[in-house]
Amino acid sequence: MANHKSALKRVRQTKVRTERNRQRKSTIKKLRKDVLASIIGGDKPASAEAVAKFASAVDKAAKVGLIHKNKASNLKSKAAKSLAAAQ
């Protein structure tokens, strides 16, 4: 365990940031599942809205460095392709 005051603070910050990142990643996974479910369900307006929400969440995650910008681009591209194939 850390002994210095600054090291103890870093430990606290790491815990908070880790939890925040875990929540954001799980939100992205949930939105991705929602996109796939709505596309399979065949509801086109709901699918388009789900893809937009997913793309927004992925962009925000890439902006703060949670995921790489190229991964964000790949995820959005796959979702858009799935939406286009379904219509």
C-alpha atoms as a PDB file:
ATOM      1  CA  MET A   1       0.000   0.000   0.000  1.00  0.00           C
ATOM      2  CA  ALA A   2       1.140   3.544  -0.680  1.00  0.00           C
ATOM      3  CA  ASN A   3       2.575   5.584   2.147  1.00  0.00           C
ATOM      4  CA  HIS A   4       2.901   9.083   0.732  1.00  0.00           C
ATOM      5  CA  LYS A   5      -0.010  11.485   0.738  1.00  0.00           C
ATOM      6  CA  SER A   6       0.183  12.001  -3.023  1.00  0.00           C
ATOM      7  CA  ALA A   7       0.346   8.249  -3.659  1.00  0.00           C
ATOM      8  CA  LEU A   8      -2.743   7.685  -1.517  1.00  0.00           C
ATOM      9  CA  LYS A   9      -4.555  10.324  -3.537  1.00  0.00           C
ATOM     10  CA  ARG A  10      -3.552   8.598  -6.781  1.00  0.00           C
ATOM     11  CA  VAL A  11      -4.984   5.330  -5.453  1.00  0.00           C
ATOM     12  CA  ARG A  12      -8.297   7.046  -4.694  1.00  0.00           C
ATOM     13  CA  GLN A  13      -8.369   8.698  -8.126  1.00  0.00           C
ATOM     14  CA  THR A  14      -7.623   5.408  -9.858  1.00  0.00           C
ATOM     15  CA  LYS A  15     -10.523   3.688  -8.111  1.00  0.00           C
ATOM     16  CA  VAL A  16     -12.963   6.419  -9.161  1.00  0.00           C
ATOM     17  CA  ARG A  17     -11.724   6.498 -12.750  1.00  0.00           C
ATOM     18  CA  THR A  18     -11.728   2.714 -13.078  1.00  0.00           C
ATOM     19  CA  GLU A  19     -15.340   2.538 -11.935  1.00  0.00           C
ATOM     20  CA  ARG A  20     -16.347   5.369 -14.271  1.00  0.00           C
ATOM     21  CA  ASN A  21     -14.639   3.666 -17.233  1.00  0.00           C
ATOM     22  CA  ARG A  22     -16.265   0.339 -16.373  1.00  0.00           C
ATOM     23  CA  GLN A  23     -19.702   1.982 -16.395  1.00  0.00           C
ATOM     24  CA  ARG A  24     -19.061   3.693 -19.721  1.00  0.00           C
ATOM     25  CA  LYS A  25     -17.827   0.497 -21.346  1.00  0.00           C
ATOM     26  CA  SER A  26     -20.830  -1.467 -20.118  1.00  0.00           C
ATOM     27  CA  THR A  27     -23.119   1.266 -21.453  1.00  0.00           C
ATOM     28  CA  ILE A  28     -21.496   0.960 -24.869  1.00  0.00           C
ATOM     29  CA  LYS A  29     -21.920  -2.831 -24.805  1.00  0.00           C
ATOM     30  CA  LYS A  30     -25.583  -2.452 -23.800  1.00  0.00           C
ATOM     31  CA  LEU A  31     -26.240   0.056 -26.585  1.00  0.00           C
ATOM     32  CA  ARG A  32     -24.544  -2.235 -29.099  1.00  0.00           C
ATOM     33  CA  LYS A  33     -26.796  -5.119 -28.045  1.00  0.00           C
ATOM     34  CA  ASP A  34     -29.818  -2.807 -28.337  1.00  0.00           C
ATOM     35  CA  VAL A  35     -28.777  -1.899 -31.894  1.00  0.00           C
ATOM     36  CA  LEU A  36     -28.487  -5.538 -32.916  1.00  0.00           C
ATOM     37  CA  ALA A  37     -31.774  -6.454 -31.233  1.00  0.00           C
ATOM     38  CA  SER A  38     -33.674  -3.620 -32.934  1.00  0.00           C
ATOM     39  CA  ILE A  39     -32.198  -4.509 -36.341  1.00  0.00           C
ATOM     40  CA  ILE A  40     -33.138  -8.160 -35.901  1.00  0.00           C
ATOM     41  CA  GLY A  41     -36.587  -7.075 -34.725  1.00  0.00           C
ATOM     42  CA  GLY A  42     -37.103  -5.204 -37.996  1.00  0.00           C
ATOM     43  CA  ASP A  43     -38.191  -1.877 -36.508  1.00  0.00           C
ATOM     44  CA  LYS A  44     -36.456   0.584 -38.857  1.00  0.00           C
ATOM     45  CA  PRO A  45     -37.092   3.883 -37.025  1.00  0.00           C
ATOM     46  CA  ALA A  46     -36.079   2.360 -33.697  1.00  0.00           C
ATOM     47  CA  SER A  47     -33.000   0.845 -35.327  1.00  0.00           C
ATOM     48  CA  ALA A  48     -31.910   4.181 -36.750  1.00  0.00           C
ATOM     49  CA  GLU A  49     -32.370   5.851 -33.368  1.00  0.00           C
ATOM     50  CA  ALA A  50     -30.470   3.067 -31.619  1.00  0.00           C
ATOM     51  CA  VAL A  51     -27.569   3.398 -34.065  1.00  0.00           C
ATOM     52  CA  ALA A  52     -27.462   7.163 -33.483  1.00  0.00           C
ATOM     53  CA  LYS A  53     -27.338   6.705 -29.685  1.00  0.00           C
ATOM     54  CA  PHE A  54     -24.664   4.043 -30.033  1.00  0.00           C
ATOM     55  CA  ALA A  55     -22.550   6.211 -32.342  1.00  0.00           C
ATOM     56  CA  SER A  56     -22.803   9.134 -29.939  1.00  0.00           C
ATOM     57  CA  ALA A  57     -21.715   7.024 -26.959  1.00  0.00           C
ATOM     58  CA  VAL A  58     -18.813   5.548 -28.923  1.00  0.00           C
ATOM     59  CA  ASP A  59     -17.668   9.000 -30.049  1.00  0.00           C
ATOM     60  CA  LYS A  60     -17.726  10.269 -26.469  1.00  0.00           C
ATOM     61  CA  ALA A  61     -15.734   7.250 -25.292  1.00  0.00           C
ATOM     62  CA  ALA A  62     -13.136   7.836 -27.999  1.00  0.00           C
ATOM     63  CA  LYS A  63     -12.963  11.526 -27.164  1.00  0.00           C
ATOM     64  CA  VAL A  64     -11.988  10.863 -23.551  1.00  0.00           C
ATOM     65  CA  GLY A  65      -9.588   8.059 -24.527  1.00  0.00           C
ATOM     66  CA  LEU A  66     -11.629   5.149 -23.231  1.00  0.00           C
ATOM     67  CA  ILE A  67     -11.384   3.411 -26.598  1.00  0.00           C
ATOM     68  CA  HIS A  68      -9.148   4.141 -29.575  1.00  0.00           C
ATOM     69  CA  LYS A  69     -10.552   6.406 -32.276  1.00  0.00           C
ATOM     70  CA  ASN A  70     -10.093   3.729 -34.950  1.00  0.00           C
ATOM     71  CA  LYS A  71     -11.990   1.200 -32.845  1.00  0.00           C
ATOM     72  CA  ALA A  72     -14.773   3.734 -32.441  1.00  0.00           C
ATOM     73  CA  SER A  73     -14.846   4.199 -36.198  1.00  0.00           C
ATOM     74  CA  ASN A  74     -14.957   0.440 -36.772  1.00  0.00           C
ATOM     75  CA  LEU A  75     -17.802  -0.035 -34.301  1.00  0.00           C
ATOM     76  CA  LYS A  76     -19.870   2.745 -35.876  1.00  0.00           C
ATOM     77  CA  SER A  77     -19.170   1.396 -39.362  1.00  0.00           C
ATOM     78  CA  LYS A  78     -20.319  -2.111 -38.440  1.00  0.00           C
ATOM     79  CA  ALA A  79     -23.511  -0.751 -36.895  1.00  0.00           C
ATOM     80  CA  ALA A  80     -24.229   1.375 -39.976  1.00  0.00           C
ATOM     81  CA  LYS A  81     -23.597  -1.575 -42.296  1.00  0.00           C
ATOM     82  CA  SER A  82     -25.962  -3.761 -40.284  1.00  0.00           C
ATOM     83  CA  LEU A  83     -28.622  -1.058 -40.429  1.00  0.00           C
ATOM     84  CA  ALA A  84     -28.205  -0.607 -44.193  1.00  0.00           C
ATOM     85  CA  ALA A  85     -28.335  -4.365 -44.823  1.00  0.00           C
ATOM     86  CA  ALA A  86     -31.553  -4.663 -42.829  1.00  0.00           C
ATOM     87  CA  GLN A  87     -33.345  -1.984 -44.865  1.00  0.00           C
END
